Amino acid sequence: MLRDSILIAAAFTDTLAALILQDETGTWYRDSSGLTSEQLAGLEHVLSQGPMEESGAYLVKEYGLQVIVALPLVDDCQRVIGTLCSLSPDPLALSEIQQEGLRLLAEHIQTIVTMDHQKSESRTTPRAPTAASFVPGLVHELGSFIFGISANLDAFEARFAELEEVTKYGANIRRSLDRMGDFIVELREYGYPQRLSWTVLELEPLLQEAIEHHRPMAARNGIELQLRVEGSLPAINADQQSLQSTFVRVVGLVVQQEETGGRVILSALSTLQGNRTVIYGHLDFSSTKFKDIDPARLFEPFYFRVSGLGRLTLPGARRVFEAHGGTLTAGPGPEGNMRITFMLPSELTYPLRSASQP
């Protein structure tokens, strides 16, 4: 399908066409219509240097080619994954119809790459049921059940309000219903998260908000709660609401499990992963409730059993991080404790440098 897209681009614009796709490790797809292997390699080198406006003259001088249009391709996380180019030996201008057609073709290529990535991920990573109607249907049925029980409990308590035993047992039932209601909210957000709204933002304020949100609870329970950020963090492309909520919930889950006198530390720094700057961070804690937990299974739904809200917090958080092109994992931490680690890619505004380039 990618090869067909290149041929369509060349035929539609009556120019030479090239497609180069890249990730953190370098170029993983490179093809063209009308370019020699030497010209295509030269184009790849130019794209790895930065925006095309600064590099077009190099192509003209070295290979006798003019870059007519260079359309950046992005994935569903708004990260640049490659470029679709229209080239010609002579300067020319594409019509508005040709430019629009090339733009639509670029969107089509983005869809092809995204679908291929999703298929690859589903083959290698175990997932919960993905039927679009499964979780919404389950949430609806459980919600209807709770509503029915709650309504009957209201009527029962009103009818026999003078009986002390009714009040005592009714309060116990009410607490159980509230707990189930909280779980349904968590299940709804885990099963079918809302559409993300992308924007460029700074991560440190989100981390600070997560810490400050739980500082009163930590103080009440005698827990030391810290945020450690090493150096300045690069901007990221993210949905602020979902990512901020995720950090608040993950930090809250850990603080709730921590024993009095314990310490919870959220750390973050900027580092390189391949050719991409990423934000690497981790959450260290000393709670013994994580001691016999298998880190490889921590993010399975219902594997980590806690009271009340939280049984889907970590699985849901992993989905949010993966939707942002990042990761959320668990492994050994200091002093034999567990550590939850996250990675988020920085904002990228131009194609990645090829792995073969310095």
Protein backbone atom coordinates (compact mmCIF):
# COMPACT_ATOMS: atom_id res chain seq x y z
CA MET A 1 0.00 0.00 0.00
CA LEU A 2 2.89 2.37 0.68
CA ARG A 3 4.39 1.63 -2.74
CA ASP A 4 1.02 2.25 -4.40
CA SER A 5 0.74 5.57 -2.56
CA ILE A 6 4.10 6.70 -3.95
CA LEU A 7 3.07 5.81 -7.50
CA ILE A 8 -0.23 7.67 -7.06
CA ALA A 9 1.61 10.76 -5.78
CA ALA A 10 3.93 10.73 -8.80
CA ALA A 11 1.12 10.23 -11.31
CA PHE A 12 -1.18 12.81 -9.73
CA THR A 13 1.44 15.58 -9.57
CA ASP A 14 3.42 14.57 -12.68
CA THR A 15 6.61 14.84 -10.61
CA LEU A 16 9.08 12.51 -8.94
CA ALA A 17 7.86 11.22 -5.57
CA ALA A 18 9.61 9.82 -2.51
CA LEU A 19 8.51 8.49 0.88
CA ILE A 20 10.82 8.12 3.87
CA LEU A 21 9.57 6.82 7.23
CA GLN A 22 11.62 7.01 10.42
CA ASP A 23 11.43 6.19 14.09
CA GLU A 24 13.81 6.48 17.07
CA THR A 25 16.16 3.88 15.57
CA GLY A 26 16.41 5.55 12.15
CA THR A 27 14.86 4.97 8.72
CA TRP A 28 12.70 1.86 8.47
CA TYR A 29 11.11 2.52 5.03
CA ARG A 30 12.51 4.31 1.98
CA ASP A 31 11.11 4.20 -1.57
CA SER A 32 10.50 6.48 -4.55
CA SER A 33 9.17 6.79 -8.07
CA GLY A 34 11.74 8.15 -10.53
CA LEU A 35 14.69 8.66 -8.18
CA THR A 36 17.94 6.73 -8.36
CA SER A 37 19.18 4.96 -5.23
CA GLU A 38 21.86 7.64 -4.89
CA GLN A 39 19.30 10.46 -5.11
CA LEU A 40 17.03 8.72 -2.58
CA ALA A 41 19.93 8.26 -0.16
CA GLY A 42 20.79 11.94 -0.58
CA LEU A 43 17.20 12.94 0.14
CA GLU A 44 17.20 10.82 3.28
CA HIS A 45 20.37 12.56 4.43
CA VAL A 46 18.84 16.00 3.81
CA LEU A 47 15.66 15.12 5.73
CA SER A 48 17.72 14.00 8.71
CA GLN A 49 19.30 17.47 8.98
CA GLY A 50 16.15 19.43 9.79
CA PRO A 51 13.39 21.45 8.09
CA MET A 52 13.39 21.28 4.29
CA GLU A 53 13.49 25.05 3.87
CA GLU A 54 17.10 25.00 5.06
CA SER A 55 18.11 22.03 2.92
CA GLY A 56 16.48 22.34 -0.49
CA ALA A 57 19.48 24.08 -2.09
CA TYR A 58 21.66 21.08 -1.23
CA LEU A 59 19.54 18.83 -3.40
CA VAL A 60 19.66 21.25 -6.32
CA LYS A 61 23.43 21.50 -6.24
CA GLU A 62 24.29 17.89 -5.56
CA TYR A 63 21.68 15.94 -7.51
CA GLY A 64 20.00 18.46 -9.80
CA LEU A 65 16.65 18.12 -8.03
CA GLN A 66 14.20 20.68 -6.70
CA VAL A 67 11.98 19.86 -3.73
CA ILE A 68 8.51 21.03 -4.77
CA VAL A 69 6.57 19.87 -1.69
CA ALA A 70 7.71 18.13 1.50
CA LEU A 71 4.79 17.02 3.68
CA PRO A 72 5.65 15.84 7.22
CA LEU A 73 3.77 12.72 8.35
CA VAL A 74 2.66 12.34 11.98
CA ASP A 75 1.26 9.47 14.03
CA ASP A 76 -1.76 9.58 16.32
CA CYS A 77 0.44 11.11 19.04
CA GLN A 78 1.37 13.99 16.71
CA ARG A 79 4.99 12.81 16.44
CA VAL A 80 6.71 13.26 13.09
CA ILE A 81 7.30 9.80 11.56
CA GLY A 82 8.50 10.70 8.08
CA THR A 83 8.07 12.81 4.96
CA LEU A 84 6.27 12.55 1.61
CA CYS A 85 8.15 14.53 -1.04
CA SER A 86 7.38 15.75 -4.53
CA LEU A 87 10.53 16.60 -6.55
CA SER A 88 11.45 17.81 -10.02
CA PRO A 89 14.61 18.63 -11.99
CA ASP A 90 13.09 22.03 -12.78
CA PRO A 91 11.26 24.54 -10.59
CA LEU A 92 7.49 24.26 -10.91
CA ALA A 93 4.35 24.93 -8.89
CA LEU A 94 1.59 22.45 -8.13
CA SER A 95 -2.01 23.49 -8.61
CA GLU A 96 -4.31 23.81 -5.61
CA ILE A 97 -6.03 20.57 -6.61
CA GLN A 98 -2.68 18.74 -6.78
CA GLN A 99 -1.60 20.16 -3.42
CA GLU A 100 -4.86 19.12 -1.78
CA GLY A 101 -4.65 15.66 -3.35
CA LEU A 102 -1.10 15.25 -2.06
CA ARG A 103 -2.23 16.30 1.43
CA LEU A 104 -5.04 13.71 1.41
CA LEU A 105 -2.58 11.08 0.24
CA ALA A 106 -0.27 11.96 3.13
CA GLU A 107 -3.16 11.43 5.56
CA HIS A 108 -3.84 8.07 3.91
CA ILE A 109 -0.20 7.03 4.43
CA GLN A 110 -0.42 8.08 8.08
CA THR A 111 -3.48 5.84 8.49
CA ILE A 112 -1.67 2.89 6.88
CA VAL A 113 1.33 3.26 9.20
CA THR A 114 -0.86 3.70 12.30
CA MET A 115 -2.94 0.61 11.50
CA ASP A 116 0.19 -1.44 10.88
CA HIS A 117 1.62 -0.33 14.21
CA GLN A 118 -1.60 -1.22 16.05
CA LYS A 119 -1.69 -4.67 14.46
CA SER A 120 1.91 -5.30 15.44
CA GLU A 121 1.23 -4.19 19.00
CA SER A 122 -1.82 -6.43 19.32
CA ARG A 123 0.21 -9.42 18.14
CA THR A 124 2.98 -8.93 20.71
CA THR A 125 1.14 -7.54 23.75
CA PRO A 126 -1.64 -9.41 25.58
CA ARG A 127 -4.76 -7.28 25.81
CA ALA A 128 -8.13 -7.36 27.48
CA PRO A 129 -11.29 -7.88 25.35
CA THR A 130 -11.38 -5.16 22.69
CA ALA A 131 -14.96 -5.42 21.47
CA ALA A 132 -16.25 -1.85 21.24
CA SER A 133 -19.51 -2.74 22.99
CA PHE A 134 -18.14 -4.98 25.75
CA VAL A 135 -17.07 -2.50 28.44
CA PRO A 136 -19.83 0.06 27.73
CA GLY A 137 -22.38 -2.74 27.95
CA LEU A 138 -20.88 -4.03 31.20
CA VAL A 139 -20.84 -0.52 32.68
CA HIS A 140 -24.47 -0.03 31.71
CA GLU A 141 -25.62 -3.32 33.25
CA LEU A 142 -23.71 -2.78 36.49
CA GLY A 143 -24.96 0.80 36.71
CA SER A 144 -28.56 -0.32 36.28
CA PHE A 145 -28.09 -2.96 38.97
CA ILE A 146 -26.68 -0.44 41.46
CA PHE A 147 -29.43 2.06 40.67
CA GLY A 148 -32.09 -0.57 41.32
CA ILE A 149 -30.59 -1.71 44.63
CA SER A 150 -30.04 1.88 45.78
CA ALA A 151 -33.61 2.89 44.97
CA ASN A 152 -35.03 -0.09 46.86
CA LEU A 153 -32.73 0.63 49.80
CA ASP A 154 -33.99 4.24 49.90
CA ALA A 155 -37.59 3.02 50.00
CA PHE A 156 -36.80 0.37 52.62
CA GLU A 157 -35.07 2.85 54.92
CA ALA A 158 -37.92 5.35 54.55
CA ARG A 159 -40.52 2.66 55.35
CA PHE A 160 -38.74 1.29 58.41
CA ALA A 161 -36.76 4.32 59.54
CA GLU A 162 -37.72 3.79 63.19
CA LEU A 163 -35.97 0.42 63.36
CA GLU A 164 -32.37 0.67 64.56
CA GLU A 165 -31.28 -2.55 62.84
CA VAL A 166 -32.43 -1.20 59.47
CA THR A 167 -30.24 1.89 59.84
CA LYS A 168 -27.17 -0.15 60.80
CA TYR A 169 -27.39 -2.70 57.99
CA GLY A 170 -28.55 -0.08 55.51
CA ALA A 171 -25.37 1.94 56.11
CA ASN A 172 -23.25 -1.14 55.41
CA ILE A 173 -25.09 -1.80 52.15
CA ARG A 174 -24.74 1.87 51.17
CA ARG A 175 -20.95 1.76 51.63
CA SER A 176 -20.76 -1.31 49.38
CA LEU A 177 -22.85 0.41 46.72
CA ASP A 178 -20.63 3.51 46.84
CA ARG A 179 -17.56 1.33 46.43
CA MET A 180 -19.11 -0.40 43.42
CA GLY A 181 -20.05 2.98 41.96
CA ASP A 182 -16.43 4.15 42.19
CA PHE A 183 -15.33 0.97 40.48
CA ILE A 184 -17.77 1.53 37.61
CA VAL A 185 -16.30 4.99 37.02
CA GLU A 186 -12.83 3.44 36.87
CA LEU A 187 -14.04 0.67 34.58
CA ARG A 188 -15.65 3.15 32.19
CA GLU A 189 -12.44 5.18 31.87
CA TYR A 190 -10.30 2.05 31.46
CA GLY A 191 -12.53 0.43 28.88
CA TYR A 192 -13.11 3.24 26.45
CA PRO A 193 -11.00 6.36 27.16
CA GLN A 194 -12.17 9.67 25.77
CA ARG A 195 -10.76 11.18 22.59
CA LEU A 196 -7.48 12.95 23.28
CA SER A 197 -6.90 16.64 22.56
CA TRP A 198 -3.24 17.23 21.73
CA THR A 199 -1.25 20.27 22.78
CA VAL A 200 2.39 21.12 23.50
CA LEU A 201 2.97 21.47 27.23
CA GLU A 202 5.53 21.27 30.02
CA LEU A 203 5.46 18.11 32.14
CA GLU A 204 6.92 19.43 35.40
CA PRO A 205 3.76 21.38 36.41
CA LEU A 206 1.70 18.18 35.93
CA LEU A 207 4.07 16.26 38.18
CA GLN A 208 3.96 19.05 40.77
CA GLU A 209 0.16 19.03 40.70
CA ALA A 210 0.10 15.26 41.32
CA ILE A 211 2.35 15.69 44.37
CA GLU A 212 0.47 18.67 45.81
CA HIS A 213 -2.88 16.92 45.29
CA HIS A 214 -1.88 14.15 47.69
CA ARG A 215 0.31 16.11 50.11
CA PRO A 216 -2.49 16.55 52.71
CA MET A 217 -3.19 12.79 52.75
CA ALA A 218 0.53 12.04 52.99
CA ALA A 219 0.87 14.47 55.92
CA ARG A 220 -2.08 12.89 57.75
CA ASN A 221 -0.57 9.42 57.35
CA GLY A 222 2.98 10.45 58.28
CA ILE A 223 4.39 9.80 54.78
CA GLU A 224 7.21 11.76 53.18
CA LEU A 225 6.20 12.83 49.65
CA GLN A 226 8.77 14.37 47.29
CA LEU A 227 9.19 15.50 43.68
CA ARG A 228 12.72 15.46 42.23
CA VAL A 229 13.29 16.92 38.75
CA GLU A 230 16.85 16.84 37.44
CA GLY A 231 17.59 19.73 35.07
CA SER A 232 15.01 21.12 32.66
CA LEU A 233 12.50 18.83 30.98
CA PRO A 234 11.69 19.19 27.25
CA ALA A 235 8.18 20.02 26.09
CA ILE A 236 5.92 17.10 25.19
CA ASN A 237 2.93 16.60 22.92
CA ALA A 238 0.11 15.42 25.18
CA ASP A 239 -3.50 15.50 26.21
CA GLN A 240 -3.19 17.52 29.40
CA GLN A 241 -6.38 16.32 31.09
CA SER A 242 -5.79 12.59 30.68
CA LEU A 243 -2.06 12.72 31.49
CA GLN A 244 -2.50 14.92 34.55
CA SER A 245 -5.33 12.71 35.85
CA THR A 246 -3.15 9.64 35.30
CA PHE A 247 -0.26 11.01 37.35
CA VAL A 248 -2.65 12.05 40.13
CA ARG A 249 -4.18 8.56 40.29
CA VAL A 250 -0.92 6.62 40.14
CA VAL A 251 0.70 8.76 42.85
CA GLY A 252 -2.49 8.49 44.91
CA LEU A 253 -2.56 4.72 44.61
CA VAL A 254 1.03 4.43 45.86
CA VAL A 255 0.50 6.90 48.72
CA GLN A 256 -2.62 5.01 49.85
CA GLN A 257 -0.63 1.77 50.10
CA GLU A 258 2.34 3.32 51.93
CA GLU A 259 2.78 2.65 55.63
CA THR A 260 3.22 5.38 58.23
CA GLY A 261 6.81 6.61 58.23
CA GLY A 262 7.32 5.57 54.62
CA ARG A 263 8.56 7.66 51.72
CA VAL A 264 7.25 8.18 48.18
CA ILE A 265 9.49 9.94 45.64
CA LEU A 266 8.52 10.93 42.09
CA SER A 267 11.60 11.65 39.96
CA ALA A 268 12.06 12.81 36.36
CA LEU A 269 14.89 13.80 34.03
CA SER A 270 15.64 14.32 30.33
CA THR A 271 17.70 11.72 28.48
CA LEU A 272 18.32 10.30 25.00
CA GLN A 273 16.70 7.15 23.67
CA GLY A 274 18.25 6.36 20.31
CA ASN A 275 17.98 9.63 18.38
CA ARG A 276 15.09 11.02 20.40
CA THR A 277 15.04 13.09 23.58
CA VAL A 278 12.67 11.53 26.09
CA ILE A 279 11.56 12.18 29.65
CA TYR A 280 12.44 9.29 31.91
CA GLY A 281 10.96 9.10 35.39
CA HIS A 282 10.16 6.72 38.20
CA LEU A 283 8.11 6.41 41.36
CA ASP A 284 9.96 4.93 44.33
CA PHE A 285 8.16 3.75 47.46
CA SER A 286 8.70 1.40 50.39
CA SER A 287 5.24 -0.18 50.84
CA THR A 288 5.46 -3.88 51.68
CA LYS A 289 2.14 -4.46 49.89
CA PHE A 290 4.09 -4.54 46.61
CA LYS A 291 6.75 -6.92 47.95
CA ASP A 292 5.42 -10.22 46.57
CA ILE A 293 3.87 -8.71 43.43
CA ASP A 294 5.11 -9.92 40.04
CA PRO A 295 6.24 -6.73 38.21
CA ALA A 296 5.44 -8.33 34.84
CA ARG A 297 1.79 -8.75 35.89
CA LEU A 298 1.32 -5.54 37.87
CA PHE A 299 -0.53 -3.87 34.98
CA GLU A 300 -2.99 -6.72 34.41
CA PRO A 301 -6.56 -5.76 35.37
CA PHE A 302 -7.40 -6.94 38.92
CA TYR A 303 -4.00 -8.57 39.53
CA PHE A 304 -2.98 -6.02 42.17
CA ARG A 305 -5.78 -6.23 44.73
CA VAL A 306 -6.47 -3.11 46.76
CA SER A 307 -9.55 -2.01 48.65
CA GLY A 308 -11.90 0.43 47.00
CA LEU A 309 -10.87 2.42 43.94
CA GLY A 310 -7.59 1.43 42.32
CA ARG A 311 -7.85 -2.07 40.88
CA LEU A 312 -7.80 -0.63 37.35
CA THR A 313 -5.62 2.42 38.04
CA LEU A 314 -2.34 0.95 36.78
CA PRO A 315 -3.79 -0.85 33.71
CA GLY A 316 -5.61 2.34 32.76
CA ALA A 317 -2.49 4.43 33.33
CA ARG A 318 -0.46 2.19 31.05
CA ARG A 319 -2.99 2.74 28.27
CA VAL A 320 -2.68 6.52 28.66
CA PHE A 321 1.13 6.41 28.52
CA GLU A 322 1.06 4.14 25.47
CA ALA A 323 -1.42 6.50 23.78
CA HIS A 324 1.22 9.22 24.25
CA GLY A 325 3.92 7.09 22.64
CA GLY A 326 5.45 6.28 26.02
CA THR A 327 5.69 3.35 28.41
CA LEU A 328 4.79 2.45 31.99
CA THR A 329 6.64 -0.48 33.54
CA ALA A 330 7.61 -1.89 36.92
CA GLY A 331 10.78 -3.47 38.23
CA PRO A 332 13.21 -3.63 41.16
CA GLY A 333 13.93 -0.39 42.98
CA PRO A 334 16.24 0.77 45.78
CA GLU A 335 16.61 -1.38 48.90
CA GLY A 336 14.76 -4.30 47.33
CA ASN A 337 11.54 -2.33 46.85
CA MET A 338 9.52 -2.02 43.66
CA ARG A 339 9.86 0.92 41.27
CA ILE A 340 7.26 2.10 38.73
CA THR A 341 9.00 3.66 35.70
CA PHE A 342 7.57 5.84 32.94
CA MET A 343 8.86 7.25 29.64
CA LEU A 344 7.35 10.02 27.52
CA PRO A 345 8.83 11.24 24.20
CA SER A 346 9.59 14.92 23.76
CA GLU A 347 7.88 17.11 21.19
CA LEU A 348 9.35 16.55 17.72
CA THR A 349 8.76 19.11 14.98
CA TYR A 350 10.87 17.64 12.17
CA PRO A 351 11.92 14.17 10.93
CA LEU A 352 14.33 12.21 13.07
CA ARG A 353 18.02 12.02 12.25
CA SER A 354 18.89 8.75 10.53
CA ALA A 355 20.66 6.21 12.70
CA SER A 356 23.51 6.14 10.15
CA GLN A 357 24.11 9.88 10.51
CA PRO A 358 26.27 11.41 13.25
